[in-house]
Amino acid sequence: MKDKILQPMRNVMEKITQSRVGRWLHKIRMSLSAQTKMTLLTVVGFTVVFIGIGVVTVTQFQRIIYGDAERRVSQPFQPNQGVVNGVVSADIIDYTSSIKKKIALPKADVFYVKYYDDTWYMFRRHGDQVSYQNVEVEHRTVELVTNRMLLIFSLSEVALLAMAVALSRANMVPILRSWKQQKTFVADAAHEFKTPMTVIQNNLERMLEHPNDTVMDQVESVANSLTEVRHLNNLTGDLLTLAQADADVQLFAFAEVDVADIAREVHDIFSYNAEEREQKLQIDVPAHAVITGDAQRLRQLLVILTDNAQKYAGEGVIVTLRVVQNERQTLIAVSDTGQGVSDEDKRHLFDRFYRVDKARSRSTGGHGLGLAIAKWVTDGHHGTIVVEDTIPHGTTFKIILPNKQKGIK
């Protein structure tokens, strides 16, 4: 039964959609940006709401102003005429043909406000009789207030509409930025996967061309393929971590951890790398720096920052790992005395797949996700991470973490 009722409406909508006007409207709708659609929707919505409020308000105001006149023109047709409860009956005339020509009152027992004999009257016809009441004062009051209310409602709508449009545009900015970043993220991820996959494919095809070769004969191709597989494995792990972060999956196991011990552990791990790169790795930490955090994620954070400092600072530099704690928060700083980073690069360092030097990053095996993960770990601990210049030259990453997490004992 419901389908039978709705089917004609659906047919009409399909005809409209398939018509030239429908195609034209569809084309316009598809050409509009999401921000423009949101703005138009806001304009239409506010206009409809204000018109509805205005009509209801004016109607209620008219009923209040004309209330006494309505009672007076109704009183002559009541059983008790004259003065009832302080209401004086209006005058009555016969609804003759001559009156009909001057005043049209088609419906009986309906209130009419009409201009007659240079003034405004309220009429009510009951059978062949008409009661009337002078409402010149009331009509002027209604007109004055209605015009004022129209002006007030119009200005209010414009002001609120401007605020709504500004807020909607402001709210759309992060959405559009996120959408743009998502598209860039997908494109960059595809590119990052394509390069090692191409290398592996070329190596395998080269090995297939020599089926009688031993592993030793193809050791270079095998080694290159293994390197790219490791790169893919690291890339997949980082992408999985960021995907879980975007999905708001809880990946932090908070407990009491000693950041000083984690810093010393990371220092020991990268000391050998510092010797190979002819660098000096220093550490400046207190005996203990206990906070509420995820030990695995904090270790990952320090590994990323220390590894980046060693990879990109260059040879002969000094990399310093420092921890300072007070009663409320803990500062972790990883600094180097390398060539530093430009202000433009600083604004994008935590963007996914962003590299200051793409060629050098690819040669060292980086794929531009480390600092994005570092920021996610910091945010997960309700901390802040900033990039500053090391005086006189170099780069410093500073992380400030609260000693206690809210809601966790």
Protein backbone atom coordinates (compact mmCIF):
# COMPACT_ATOMS: atom_id res chain seq x y z
CA MET A 1 0.00 0.00 0.00
CA LYS A 2 2.83 2.38 0.92
CA ASP A 3 4.65 1.60 -2.33
CA LYS A 4 1.50 2.31 -4.34
CA ILE A 5 1.23 5.72 -2.74
CA LEU A 6 4.91 6.58 -3.14
CA GLN A 7 5.37 5.18 -6.64
CA PRO A 8 3.67 8.13 -8.46
CA MET A 9 5.89 10.53 -6.53
CA ARG A 10 8.97 8.51 -7.49
CA ASN A 11 7.92 8.57 -11.12
CA VAL A 12 7.56 12.35 -11.02
CA MET A 13 11.00 12.73 -9.41
CA GLU A 14 12.55 10.44 -12.03
CA LYS A 15 10.96 12.48 -14.83
CA ILE A 16 12.30 15.69 -13.30
CA THR A 17 15.76 14.15 -12.92
CA GLN A 18 15.74 12.88 -16.51
CA SER A 19 14.44 16.17 -17.93
CA ARG A 20 16.64 18.92 -19.26
CA VAL A 21 16.09 21.01 -16.12
CA GLY A 22 16.93 18.04 -13.91
CA ARG A 23 20.15 17.37 -15.80
CA TRP A 24 21.01 21.05 -15.61
CA LEU A 25 20.44 21.14 -11.83
CA HIS A 26 22.41 17.92 -11.40
CA LYS A 27 25.27 19.40 -13.40
CA ILE A 28 25.29 22.51 -11.24
CA ARG A 29 25.17 20.44 -8.05
CA MET A 30 28.10 18.30 -9.18
CA SER A 31 30.14 21.37 -10.13
CA LEU A 32 29.78 22.94 -6.69
CA SER A 33 32.39 22.31 -4.05
CA ALA A 34 31.51 20.79 -0.70
CA GLN A 35 32.14 24.14 0.98
CA THR A 36 29.78 25.96 -1.42
CA LYS A 37 27.08 23.32 -0.91
CA MET A 38 27.40 23.72 2.85
CA THR A 39 27.13 27.52 2.52
CA LEU A 40 24.01 27.32 0.32
CA LEU A 41 22.42 24.81 2.65
CA THR A 42 23.10 27.12 5.59
CA VAL A 43 21.58 30.10 3.75
CA VAL A 44 18.43 28.18 2.79
CA GLY A 45 18.06 26.69 6.26
CA PHE A 46 18.40 30.01 8.06
CA THR A 47 16.01 31.72 5.66
CA VAL A 48 13.32 29.07 6.12
CA VAL A 49 13.69 29.14 9.90
CA PHE A 50 13.54 32.94 10.12
CA ILE A 51 10.52 33.13 7.80
CA GLY A 52 8.72 30.58 9.96
CA ILE A 53 9.60 32.40 13.18
CA GLY A 54 8.62 35.73 11.65
CA VAL A 55 5.22 34.50 10.48
CA VAL A 56 4.43 32.93 13.85
CA THR A 57 5.58 36.02 15.77
CA VAL A 58 3.63 38.49 13.61
CA THR A 59 0.51 36.32 13.75
CA GLN A 60 0.64 36.07 17.52
CA PHE A 61 1.25 39.81 17.84
CA GLN A 62 -1.75 40.60 15.62
CA ARG A 63 -3.96 38.34 17.72
CA ILE A 64 -2.90 40.21 20.84
CA ILE A 65 -3.41 43.68 19.35
CA TYR A 66 -6.71 42.84 17.62
CA GLY A 67 -7.96 40.71 20.52
CA ASP A 68 -10.18 43.39 22.06
CA ALA A 69 -11.66 44.35 18.67
CA GLU A 70 -12.39 40.69 17.88
CA ARG A 71 -14.27 40.30 21.16
CA ARG A 72 -16.30 43.43 20.42
CA VAL A 73 -17.34 42.42 16.91
CA SER A 74 -18.22 38.96 18.22
CA GLN A 75 -20.31 40.23 21.15
CA PRO A 76 -23.44 41.29 19.15
CA PHE A 77 -23.96 37.73 17.98
CA GLN A 78 -23.68 36.23 21.45
CA PRO A 79 -26.74 35.36 23.58
CA ASN A 80 -25.81 38.08 26.07
CA GLN A 81 -25.41 41.34 24.18
CA GLY A 82 -24.38 44.71 25.48
CA VAL A 83 -21.55 44.93 28.02
CA VAL A 84 -20.26 41.53 29.14
CA ASN A 85 -17.13 41.27 31.32
CA GLY A 86 -16.22 44.83 30.41
CA VAL A 87 -16.50 44.21 26.64
CA VAL A 88 -18.76 46.65 24.78
CA SER A 89 -20.56 45.28 21.76
CA ALA A 90 -19.69 46.70 18.35
CA ASP A 91 -22.24 48.35 16.09
CA ILE A 92 -24.30 46.29 13.63
CA ILE A 93 -25.51 47.01 10.09
CA ASP A 94 -27.39 44.92 7.55
CA TYR A 95 -25.28 43.27 4.90
CA THR A 96 -27.19 44.76 1.96
CA SER A 97 -26.25 44.66 -1.71
CA SER A 98 -24.84 48.21 -1.51
CA ILE A 99 -22.60 47.19 1.40
CA LYS A 100 -21.49 44.09 -0.49
CA LYS A 101 -20.24 46.27 -3.34
CA LYS A 102 -18.11 48.34 -0.96
CA ILE A 103 -17.00 45.61 1.44
CA ALA A 104 -16.47 41.99 0.38
CA LEU A 105 -17.08 39.60 3.26
CA PRO A 106 -17.39 36.23 1.51
CA LYS A 107 -17.14 34.02 4.59
CA ALA A 108 -19.38 34.20 7.61
CA ASP A 109 -18.02 34.37 11.16
CA VAL A 110 -14.54 35.34 9.92
CA PHE A 111 -12.69 38.47 11.03
CA TYR A 112 -11.75 40.93 8.27
CA VAL A 113 -9.65 44.08 8.60
CA LYS A 114 -10.45 46.40 5.68
CA TYR A 115 -9.98 50.01 4.69
CA TYR A 116 -13.34 51.76 4.49
CA ASP A 117 -14.35 55.41 4.50
CA ASP A 118 -10.76 56.68 5.04
CA THR A 119 -10.13 54.51 8.06
CA TRP A 120 -9.53 50.90 9.06
CA TYR A 121 -12.31 48.70 10.43
CA MET A 122 -12.69 45.16 11.62
CA PHE A 123 -15.76 43.37 10.25
CA ARG A 124 -17.50 40.12 11.03
CA ARG A 125 -20.49 38.86 9.09
CA HIS A 126 -23.08 36.66 10.73
CA GLY A 127 -25.91 35.80 8.39
CA ASP A 128 -27.24 39.04 6.88
CA GLN A 129 -25.78 41.23 9.58
CA VAL A 130 -22.28 42.70 9.94
CA SER A 131 -20.68 44.00 13.09
CA TYR A 132 -17.84 46.49 12.78
CA GLN A 133 -15.27 48.19 14.98
CA ASN A 134 -12.83 51.03 14.26
CA VAL A 135 -9.27 49.61 14.50
CA GLU A 136 -7.29 52.54 13.08
CA VAL A 137 -5.02 52.72 16.15
CA GLU A 138 -4.58 48.97 16.32
CA HIS A 139 -3.81 48.76 12.59
CA ARG A 140 -1.18 51.48 12.78
CA THR A 141 0.41 49.72 15.76
CA VAL A 142 0.46 46.40 13.90
CA GLU A 143 1.97 48.00 10.78
CA LEU A 144 4.63 49.86 12.78
CA VAL A 145 5.64 46.87 14.87
CA THR A 146 5.49 44.51 11.88
CA ASN A 147 7.85 46.73 9.89
CA ARG A 148 10.19 47.03 12.87
CA MET A 149 10.11 43.28 13.40
CA LEU A 150 10.76 42.68 9.71
CA LEU A 151 13.80 44.94 9.91
CA ILE A 152 15.04 43.30 13.13
CA PHE A 153 14.52 39.78 11.79
CA SER A 154 16.25 40.68 8.51
CA LEU A 155 19.28 42.17 10.25
CA SER A 156 19.36 39.27 12.71
CA GLU A 157 19.23 36.76 9.88
CA VAL A 158 22.03 38.51 8.01
CA ALA A 159 24.20 38.68 11.15
CA LEU A 160 23.55 35.08 12.20
CA LEU A 161 23.87 33.90 8.61
CA ALA A 162 27.25 35.59 8.32
CA MET A 163 28.33 33.95 11.57
CA ALA A 164 27.00 30.56 10.44
CA VAL A 165 28.74 30.81 7.07
CA ALA A 166 31.99 31.82 8.77
CA LEU A 167 31.69 28.96 11.26
CA SER A 168 30.76 26.44 8.58
CA ARG A 169 33.69 27.52 6.45
CA ALA A 170 35.97 27.36 9.48
CA ASN A 171 34.67 23.88 10.30
CA MET A 172 35.14 22.79 6.69
CA VAL A 173 38.79 23.87 6.65
CA PRO A 174 40.11 20.95 8.75
CA ILE A 175 37.80 18.55 6.89
CA LEU A 176 39.06 19.72 3.51
CA ARG A 177 42.64 19.73 4.79
CA SER A 178 42.18 16.20 6.10
CA TRP A 179 40.68 15.10 2.79
CA LYS A 180 43.57 16.64 0.88
CA GLN A 181 46.08 15.03 3.22
CA GLN A 182 44.30 11.70 2.83
CA LYS A 183 44.55 11.86 -0.96
CA THR A 184 48.21 12.88 -0.71
CA PHE A 185 48.79 10.10 1.80
CA VAL A 186 47.31 7.47 -0.53
CA ALA A 187 49.31 8.77 -3.50
CA ASP A 188 52.55 8.87 -1.51
CA ALA A 189 51.93 5.42 -0.04
CA ALA A 190 51.36 4.01 -3.52
CA HIS A 191 54.59 5.62 -4.68
CA GLU A 192 56.50 4.28 -1.69
CA PHE A 193 55.25 0.77 -2.39
CA LYS A 194 55.86 1.01 -6.12
CA THR A 195 59.61 1.72 -5.91
CA PRO A 196 60.68 -1.34 -3.86
CA MET A 197 58.20 -3.55 -5.68
CA THR A 198 59.74 -2.50 -8.99
CA VAL A 199 63.23 -3.27 -7.68
CA ILE A 200 62.13 -6.71 -6.44
CA GLN A 201 60.38 -7.46 -9.73
CA ASN A 202 63.45 -6.48 -11.76
CA ASN A 203 65.70 -8.63 -9.58
CA LEU A 204 63.40 -11.64 -9.87
CA GLU A 205 63.14 -11.25 -13.65
CA ARG A 206 66.94 -11.01 -13.86
CA MET A 207 67.26 -14.23 -11.86
CA LEU A 208 64.69 -15.99 -14.05
CA GLU A 209 66.81 -15.20 -17.07
CA HIS A 210 69.56 -17.38 -15.57
CA PRO A 211 67.75 -20.43 -14.17
CA ASN A 212 70.96 -22.46 -13.85
CA ASP A 213 72.73 -19.92 -11.64
CA THR A 214 73.35 -20.68 -7.99
CA VAL A 215 72.46 -18.42 -5.09
CA MET A 216 76.04 -17.21 -4.99
CA ASP A 217 75.82 -16.21 -8.65
CA GLN A 218 72.74 -14.07 -7.93
CA VAL A 219 73.75 -12.90 -4.46
CA GLU A 220 73.58 -9.24 -5.42
CA SER A 221 70.01 -9.52 -6.72
CA VAL A 222 69.00 -11.53 -3.65
CA ALA A 223 70.59 -8.97 -1.31
CA ASN A 224 68.90 -6.05 -3.07
CA SER A 225 65.54 -7.80 -2.96
CA LEU A 226 65.96 -8.58 0.73
CA THR A 227 66.76 -4.93 1.44
CA GLU A 228 63.63 -3.81 -0.35
CA VAL A 229 61.53 -6.43 1.48
CA ARG A 230 62.80 -5.07 4.79
CA HIS A 231 61.95 -1.59 3.61
CA LEU A 232 58.44 -2.74 2.71
CA ASN A 233 58.07 -4.47 6.06
CA ASN A 234 59.02 -1.29 7.94
CA LEU A 235 56.76 0.80 5.73
CA THR A 236 53.82 -1.56 6.26
CA GLY A 237 54.34 -1.49 10.03
CA ASP A 238 54.42 2.31 10.10
CA LEU A 239 51.34 2.56 7.88
CA LEU A 240 49.49 0.14 10.14
CA THR A 241 50.41 2.21 13.18
CA LEU A 242 49.18 5.43 11.58
CA ALA A 243 46.00 3.75 10.31
CA GLN A 244 45.22 2.55 13.83
CA ALA A 245 45.93 6.05 15.12
CA ASP A 246 43.48 7.53 12.60
CA ALA A 247 40.86 4.98 13.67
CA ASP A 248 41.27 6.06 17.33
CA VAL A 249 42.33 2.55 18.32
CA GLN A 250 43.71 2.55 21.85
CA LEU A 251 47.36 1.57 21.42
CA PHE A 252 48.81 2.87 24.68
CA ALA A 253 49.39 0.78 27.79
CA PHE A 254 50.07 3.34 30.51
CA ALA A 255 52.15 2.45 33.54
CA GLU A 256 54.94 3.97 35.58
CA VAL A 257 58.09 4.11 33.42
CA ASP A 258 61.52 5.61 33.90
CA VAL A 259 62.29 7.86 30.94
CA ALA A 260 65.92 8.15 32.09
CA ASP A 261 66.40 4.39 31.77
CA ILE A 262 64.80 4.41 28.31
CA ALA A 263 67.10 7.26 27.23
CA ARG A 264 70.19 5.38 28.44
CA GLU A 265 69.02 2.25 26.59
CA VAL A 266 68.56 4.18 23.34
CA HIS A 267 71.97 5.83 23.84
CA ASP A 268 73.62 2.42 24.13
CA ILE A 269 71.86 1.18 20.99
CA PHE A 270 73.00 4.10 18.81
CA SER A 271 76.50 4.49 20.23
CA TYR A 272 77.91 2.05 17.64
CA ASN A 273 76.19 3.96 14.82
CA ALA A 274 77.72 7.19 16.09
CA GLU A 275 81.21 5.69 15.87
CA GLU A 276 80.56 4.46 12.32
CA ARG A 277 79.40 7.94 11.23
CA GLU A 278 82.24 9.65 13.08
CA GLN A 279 79.73 11.36 15.32
CA LYS A 280 79.60 11.95 19.04
CA LEU A 281 76.49 10.80 20.92
CA GLN A 282 76.09 12.50 24.29
CA ILE A 283 73.54 11.87 27.02
CA ASP A 284 72.43 14.15 29.85
CA VAL A 285 69.78 12.53 32.03
CA PRO A 286 69.05 12.39 35.77
CA ALA A 287 69.29 9.19 37.78
CA HIS A 288 65.53 8.69 37.50
CA ALA A 289 62.67 10.40 35.65
CA VAL A 290 59.50 8.44 36.37
CA ILE A 291 56.31 9.33 34.51
CA THR A 292 53.05 7.63 33.58
CA GLY A 293 53.44 6.45 30.01
CA ASP A 294 53.78 3.61 27.54
CA ALA A 295 57.36 2.35 27.73
CA GLN A 296 57.31 0.77 24.27
CA ARG A 297 55.95 3.89 22.58
CA LEU A 298 58.32 6.22 24.45
CA ARG A 299 61.24 4.03 23.39
CA GLN A 300 59.94 4.18 19.81
CA LEU A 301 59.78 7.98 20.10
CA LEU A 302 63.40 8.29 21.26
CA VAL A 303 64.61 5.80 18.65
CA ILE A 304 62.95 7.79 15.84
CA LEU A 305 64.38 11.13 16.95
CA THR A 306 67.88 9.79 17.65
CA ASP A 307 67.98 7.84 14.40
CA ASN A 308 66.86 10.91 12.41
CA ALA A 309 69.47 13.09 14.10
CA GLN A 310 72.26 10.65 13.25
CA LYS A 311 71.10 10.06 9.66
CA TYR A 312 70.54 13.64 8.57
CA ALA A 313 72.91 15.74 10.69
CA GLY A 314 76.01 14.57 8.82
CA GLU A 315 79.47 13.41 9.86
CA GLY A 316 81.45 14.94 12.68
CA VAL A 317 78.39 16.32 14.49
CA ILE A 318 77.38 16.02 18.12
CA VAL A 319 74.00 14.45 18.94
CA THR A 320 72.75 15.05 22.47
CA LEU A 321 69.97 13.20 24.25
CA ARG A 322 68.74 15.13 27.29
CA VAL A 323 66.01 14.57 29.92
CA VAL A 324 64.93 17.19 32.49
CA GLN A 325 62.11 16.69 34.98
CA ASN A 326 60.28 18.93 37.43
CA GLU A 327 57.27 18.35 39.65
CA ARG A 328 54.68 18.51 36.87
CA GLN A 329 56.31 17.63 33.56
CA THR A 330 59.30 16.08 31.84
CA LEU A 331 61.34 17.55 29.00
CA ILE A 332 62.97 15.26 26.44
CA ALA A 333 65.29 16.93 23.94
CA VAL A 334 67.23 15.40 21.05
CA SER A 335 69.57 17.93 19.45
CA ASP A 336 72.34 17.89 16.86
CA THR A 337 74.94 20.35 15.58
CA GLY A 338 74.29 19.65 11.89
CA GLN A 339 73.29 22.04 9.13
CA GLY A 340 69.80 22.59 10.55
CA VAL A 341 66.37 22.77 8.96
CA SER A 342 64.74 25.73 7.20
CA ASP A 343 61.63 27.40 8.61
CA GLU A 344 59.59 26.18 5.62
CA ASP A 345 60.64 22.56 6.27
CA LYS A 346 59.86 22.90 9.98
CA ARG A 347 56.20 23.52 9.15
CA HIS A 348 55.96 20.19 7.32
CA LEU A 349 58.32 17.93 9.26
CA PHE A 350 55.46 16.07 10.94
CA ASP A 351 53.49 15.59 7.70
CA ARG A 352 53.35 12.03 6.47
CA PHE A 353 55.89 11.11 3.75
CA TYR A 354 57.49 14.54 3.97
CA ARG A 355 61.25 14.61 3.43
CA VAL A 356 63.64 17.54 3.67
CA ASP A 357 65.97 15.83 1.19
CA LYS A 358 64.11 13.09 -0.66
CA ALA A 359 67.12 11.66 -2.44
CA ARG A 360 69.17 11.38 0.73
CA SER A 361 66.23 10.00 2.72
CA ARG A 362 65.58 7.26 0.18
CA SER A 363 69.23 6.30 0.16
CA THR A 364 69.22 5.92 3.94
CA GLY A 365 66.03 3.89 3.88
CA GLY A 366 63.66 6.51 5.32
CA HIS A 367 60.14 6.90 4.04
CA GLY A 368 58.98 10.05 5.81
CA LEU A 369 56.69 8.50 8.45
CA GLY A 370 58.96 8.51 11.49
CA LEU A 371 58.24 12.04 12.69
CA ALA A 372 54.51 11.60 12.03
CA ILE A 373 54.60 8.60 14.39
CA ALA A 374 56.69 10.60 16.88
CA LYS A 375 54.02 13.29 16.97
CA TRP A 376 51.29 10.68 17.38
CA VAL A 377 53.14 9.14 20.36
CA THR A 378 53.56 12.59 21.90
CA ASP A 379 49.89 13.47 21.38
CA GLY A 380 48.89 10.09 22.84
CA HIS A 381 50.72 11.07 26.02
CA HIS A 382 48.97 14.50 26.00
CA GLY A 383 52.30 16.20 25.39
CA THR A 384 53.75 18.64 22.87
CA ILE A 385 56.61 18.34 20.39
CA VAL A 386 58.32 21.30 18.73
CA VAL A 387 61.31 21.83 16.42
CA GLU A 388 63.82 24.54 17.22
CA ASP A 389 67.23 25.64 16.00
CA THR A 390 70.27 24.53 17.96
CA ILE A 391 72.52 27.46 18.81
CA PRO A 392 74.78 28.19 16.93
CA HIS A 393 73.61 25.66 14.31
CA GLY A 394 71.68 22.42 14.13
CA THR A 395 68.22 21.15 15.04
CA THR A 396 66.55 20.35 18.36
CA PHE A 397 63.37 18.33 18.92
CA LYS A 398 61.76 19.13 22.26
CA ILE A 399 59.05 16.96 23.80
CA ILE A 400 57.19 18.02 26.94
CA LEU A 401 55.18 15.27 28.64
CA PRO A 402 53.05 15.46 31.81
CA ASN A 403 54.33 13.33 34.64
CA LYS A 404 50.83 12.01 35.37
CA GLN A 405 48.07 11.13 32.91
CA LYS A 406 44.54 12.23 33.78
CA GLY A 407 42.26 9.43 34.87
CA ILE A 408 45.19 7.03 35.40
CA LYS A 409 46.44 6.31 38.87
